[in-house]
N, C-alpha and C. Protein backbone atom coordinates (compact mmCIF):
# COMPACT_ATOMS: atom_id res chain seq x y z
N MET A 1 -54.40 -11.03 -19.15
CA MET A 1 -55.17 -11.70 -20.18
C MET A 1 -56.31 -10.77 -20.60
N GLU A 2 -56.43 -10.59 -21.89
CA GLU A 2 -57.47 -9.71 -22.41
C GLU A 2 -58.84 -10.35 -22.30
N SER A 3 -59.86 -9.52 -22.40
CA SER A 3 -61.24 -10.00 -22.28
C SER A 3 -61.56 -11.06 -23.34
N LEU A 4 -61.11 -10.84 -24.57
CA LEU A 4 -61.37 -11.79 -25.64
C LEU A 4 -60.74 -13.15 -25.33
N GLU A 5 -59.53 -13.12 -24.79
CA GLU A 5 -58.86 -14.37 -24.42
C GLU A 5 -59.59 -15.07 -23.28
N LYS A 6 -60.08 -14.31 -22.32
CA LYS A 6 -60.84 -14.90 -21.21
C LYS A 6 -62.12 -15.54 -21.72
N GLN A 7 -62.81 -14.86 -22.63
CA GLN A 7 -64.04 -15.41 -23.18
C GLN A 7 -63.76 -16.68 -23.99
N ALA A 8 -62.68 -16.66 -24.78
CA ALA A 8 -62.31 -17.85 -25.56
C ALA A 8 -61.96 -19.01 -24.64
N LEU A 9 -61.27 -18.70 -23.55
CA LEU A 9 -60.92 -19.72 -22.57
C LEU A 9 -62.17 -20.33 -21.95
N GLN A 10 -63.14 -19.50 -21.60
CA GLN A 10 -64.38 -19.99 -21.01
C GLN A 10 -65.16 -20.86 -21.99
N VAL A 11 -65.25 -20.43 -23.24
CA VAL A 11 -65.97 -21.20 -24.25
C VAL A 11 -65.26 -22.53 -24.50
N ALA A 12 -63.94 -22.50 -24.59
CA ALA A 12 -63.18 -23.74 -24.79
C ALA A 12 -63.42 -24.70 -23.64
N LYS A 13 -63.43 -24.18 -22.42
CA LYS A 13 -63.68 -25.02 -21.25
C LYS A 13 -65.07 -25.66 -21.33
N GLU A 14 -66.06 -24.87 -21.70
CA GLU A 14 -67.43 -25.40 -21.79
C GLU A 14 -67.54 -26.47 -22.87
N ILE A 15 -66.88 -26.25 -23.99
CA ILE A 15 -66.92 -27.23 -25.08
C ILE A 15 -66.25 -28.53 -24.65
N VAL A 16 -65.08 -28.42 -24.02
CA VAL A 16 -64.37 -29.62 -23.58
C VAL A 16 -65.18 -30.38 -22.53
N VAL A 17 -65.79 -29.66 -21.60
CA VAL A 17 -66.63 -30.31 -20.59
C VAL A 17 -67.79 -31.05 -21.26
N LYS A 18 -68.42 -30.42 -22.24
CA LYS A 18 -69.52 -31.07 -22.95
C LYS A 18 -69.02 -32.31 -23.69
N PHE A 19 -67.86 -32.22 -24.33
CA PHE A 19 -67.29 -33.38 -25.02
C PHE A 19 -66.99 -34.51 -24.03
N ILE A 20 -66.54 -34.17 -22.84
CA ILE A 20 -66.29 -35.19 -21.82
C ILE A 20 -67.61 -35.83 -21.40
N GLU A 21 -68.65 -35.01 -21.22
CA GLU A 21 -69.96 -35.53 -20.81
C GLU A 21 -70.54 -36.50 -21.82
N VAL A 22 -70.33 -36.23 -23.12
CA VAL A 22 -70.91 -37.10 -24.14
C VAL A 22 -69.96 -38.21 -24.58
N GLY A 23 -68.75 -38.24 -23.99
CA GLY A 23 -67.83 -39.32 -24.25
C GLY A 23 -66.91 -39.13 -25.44
N ARG A 24 -66.87 -37.95 -26.03
CA ARG A 24 -65.98 -37.70 -27.18
C ARG A 24 -64.53 -37.52 -26.73
N ILE A 25 -64.35 -37.00 -25.52
CA ILE A 25 -63.02 -36.79 -24.94
C ILE A 25 -63.06 -37.41 -23.55
N SER A 26 -61.96 -38.06 -23.17
CA SER A 26 -61.90 -38.58 -21.80
C SER A 26 -61.06 -37.63 -20.96
N PRO A 27 -61.29 -37.60 -19.66
CA PRO A 27 -60.46 -36.75 -18.80
C PRO A 27 -58.97 -37.06 -18.93
N ALA A 28 -58.64 -38.29 -19.29
CA ALA A 28 -57.24 -38.68 -19.42
C ALA A 28 -56.55 -37.98 -20.60
N ASN A 29 -57.29 -37.69 -21.68
CA ASN A 29 -56.67 -37.03 -22.83
C ASN A 29 -57.14 -35.58 -23.01
N PHE A 30 -57.63 -35.00 -21.95
CA PHE A 30 -58.07 -33.61 -21.94
C PHE A 30 -57.01 -32.65 -22.48
N ALA A 31 -55.79 -32.80 -22.01
CA ALA A 31 -54.70 -31.88 -22.37
C ALA A 31 -54.39 -31.93 -23.87
N GLU A 32 -54.58 -33.08 -24.48
CA GLU A 32 -54.32 -33.22 -25.91
C GLU A 32 -55.27 -32.38 -26.74
N HIS A 33 -56.48 -32.18 -26.26
CA HIS A 33 -57.51 -31.50 -27.06
C HIS A 33 -57.74 -30.05 -26.68
N PHE A 34 -57.53 -29.70 -25.43
CA PHE A 34 -57.90 -28.37 -24.96
C PHE A 34 -57.19 -27.25 -25.71
N ALA A 35 -55.87 -27.36 -25.87
CA ALA A 35 -55.11 -26.30 -26.53
C ALA A 35 -55.57 -26.09 -27.97
N GLU A 36 -55.83 -27.17 -28.67
CA GLU A 36 -56.29 -27.06 -30.06
C GLU A 36 -57.66 -26.39 -30.14
N ILE A 37 -58.56 -26.76 -29.25
CA ILE A 37 -59.90 -26.16 -29.24
C ILE A 37 -59.81 -24.68 -28.89
N TYR A 38 -59.03 -24.35 -27.86
CA TYR A 38 -58.86 -22.96 -27.45
C TYR A 38 -58.27 -22.11 -28.58
N THR A 39 -57.24 -22.62 -29.23
CA THR A 39 -56.60 -21.89 -30.32
C THR A 39 -57.57 -21.65 -31.47
N GLU A 40 -58.34 -22.64 -31.80
CA GLU A 40 -59.31 -22.51 -32.90
C GLU A 40 -60.40 -21.48 -32.56
N ILE A 41 -60.88 -21.51 -31.34
CA ILE A 41 -61.90 -20.54 -30.91
C ILE A 41 -61.32 -19.13 -30.93
N LEU A 42 -60.13 -18.97 -30.40
CA LEU A 42 -59.49 -17.66 -30.36
C LEU A 42 -59.26 -17.11 -31.76
N SER A 43 -58.83 -17.94 -32.69
CA SER A 43 -58.62 -17.46 -34.05
C SER A 43 -59.94 -17.14 -34.74
N THR A 44 -60.99 -17.87 -34.39
CA THR A 44 -62.29 -17.62 -34.99
C THR A 44 -62.90 -16.32 -34.48
N VAL A 45 -62.95 -16.13 -33.19
CA VAL A 45 -63.57 -14.92 -32.64
C VAL A 45 -62.68 -13.70 -32.79
N GLY A 46 -61.38 -13.93 -32.91
CA GLY A 46 -60.46 -12.82 -33.08
C GLY A 46 -60.34 -12.36 -34.51
N GLY A 47 -61.00 -13.07 -35.42
CA GLY A 47 -60.94 -12.70 -36.82
C GLY A 47 -59.64 -13.09 -37.48
N GLY A 48 -58.87 -13.96 -36.81
CA GLY A 48 -57.59 -14.39 -37.36
C GLY A 48 -57.79 -15.31 -38.54
N ALA A 49 -56.70 -15.57 -39.23
CA ALA A 49 -56.73 -16.48 -40.37
C ALA A 49 -56.98 -17.89 -39.87
N ALA A 50 -57.41 -18.75 -40.78
CA ALA A 50 -57.61 -20.15 -40.43
C ALA A 50 -56.29 -20.73 -39.95
N SER A 51 -56.37 -21.74 -39.11
CA SER A 51 -55.16 -22.28 -38.49
C SER A 51 -54.32 -23.12 -39.43
N SER A 52 -54.85 -23.48 -40.58
CA SER A 52 -54.05 -24.25 -41.53
C SER A 52 -54.45 -23.87 -42.95
N PRO A 53 -53.54 -24.03 -43.91
CA PRO A 53 -53.86 -23.70 -45.29
C PRO A 53 -55.02 -24.54 -45.83
N ALA A 54 -55.11 -25.79 -45.42
CA ALA A 54 -56.21 -26.65 -45.89
C ALA A 54 -57.55 -26.08 -45.47
N LYS A 55 -57.64 -25.59 -44.24
CA LYS A 55 -58.88 -24.99 -43.77
C LYS A 55 -59.18 -23.71 -44.53
N ALA A 56 -58.15 -22.93 -44.81
CA ALA A 56 -58.34 -21.68 -45.55
C ALA A 56 -58.89 -21.98 -46.93
N ASN A 57 -58.35 -22.99 -47.59
CA ASN A 57 -58.84 -23.37 -48.93
C ASN A 57 -60.25 -23.90 -48.87
N LYS A 58 -60.56 -24.65 -47.83
CA LYS A 58 -61.91 -25.21 -47.69
C LYS A 58 -62.93 -24.09 -47.55
N HIS A 59 -62.61 -23.08 -46.72
CA HIS A 59 -63.52 -21.95 -46.54
C HIS A 59 -63.62 -21.12 -47.82
N LYS A 60 -62.52 -20.99 -48.53
CA LYS A 60 -62.51 -20.23 -49.78
C LYS A 60 -63.41 -20.90 -50.81
N ASP A 61 -63.32 -22.24 -50.92
CA ASP A 61 -64.14 -22.96 -51.88
C ASP A 61 -65.63 -22.80 -51.59
N LYS A 62 -66.00 -22.80 -50.33
CA LYS A 62 -67.41 -22.65 -49.95
C LYS A 62 -67.95 -21.28 -50.32
N ALA A 63 -67.08 -20.26 -50.26
CA ALA A 63 -67.51 -18.90 -50.54
C ALA A 63 -67.75 -18.66 -52.02
N GLU A 64 -67.11 -19.45 -52.87
CA GLU A 64 -67.22 -19.23 -54.31
C GLU A 64 -68.47 -19.77 -54.89
């Protein structure tokens, strides 16, 4: 696992833990949310494209 992936994994873990602490995510549905959060963080810090066309259009509109 590359350093960037390890850092994204750590950040995703911290975010999910914080969401559990504030009640936004329950430990029972942790698995449903973790992969999506990790993927989004990895694409953001890796400079990848937005994960969906709708998000890409939303960011494009803000830039104009």
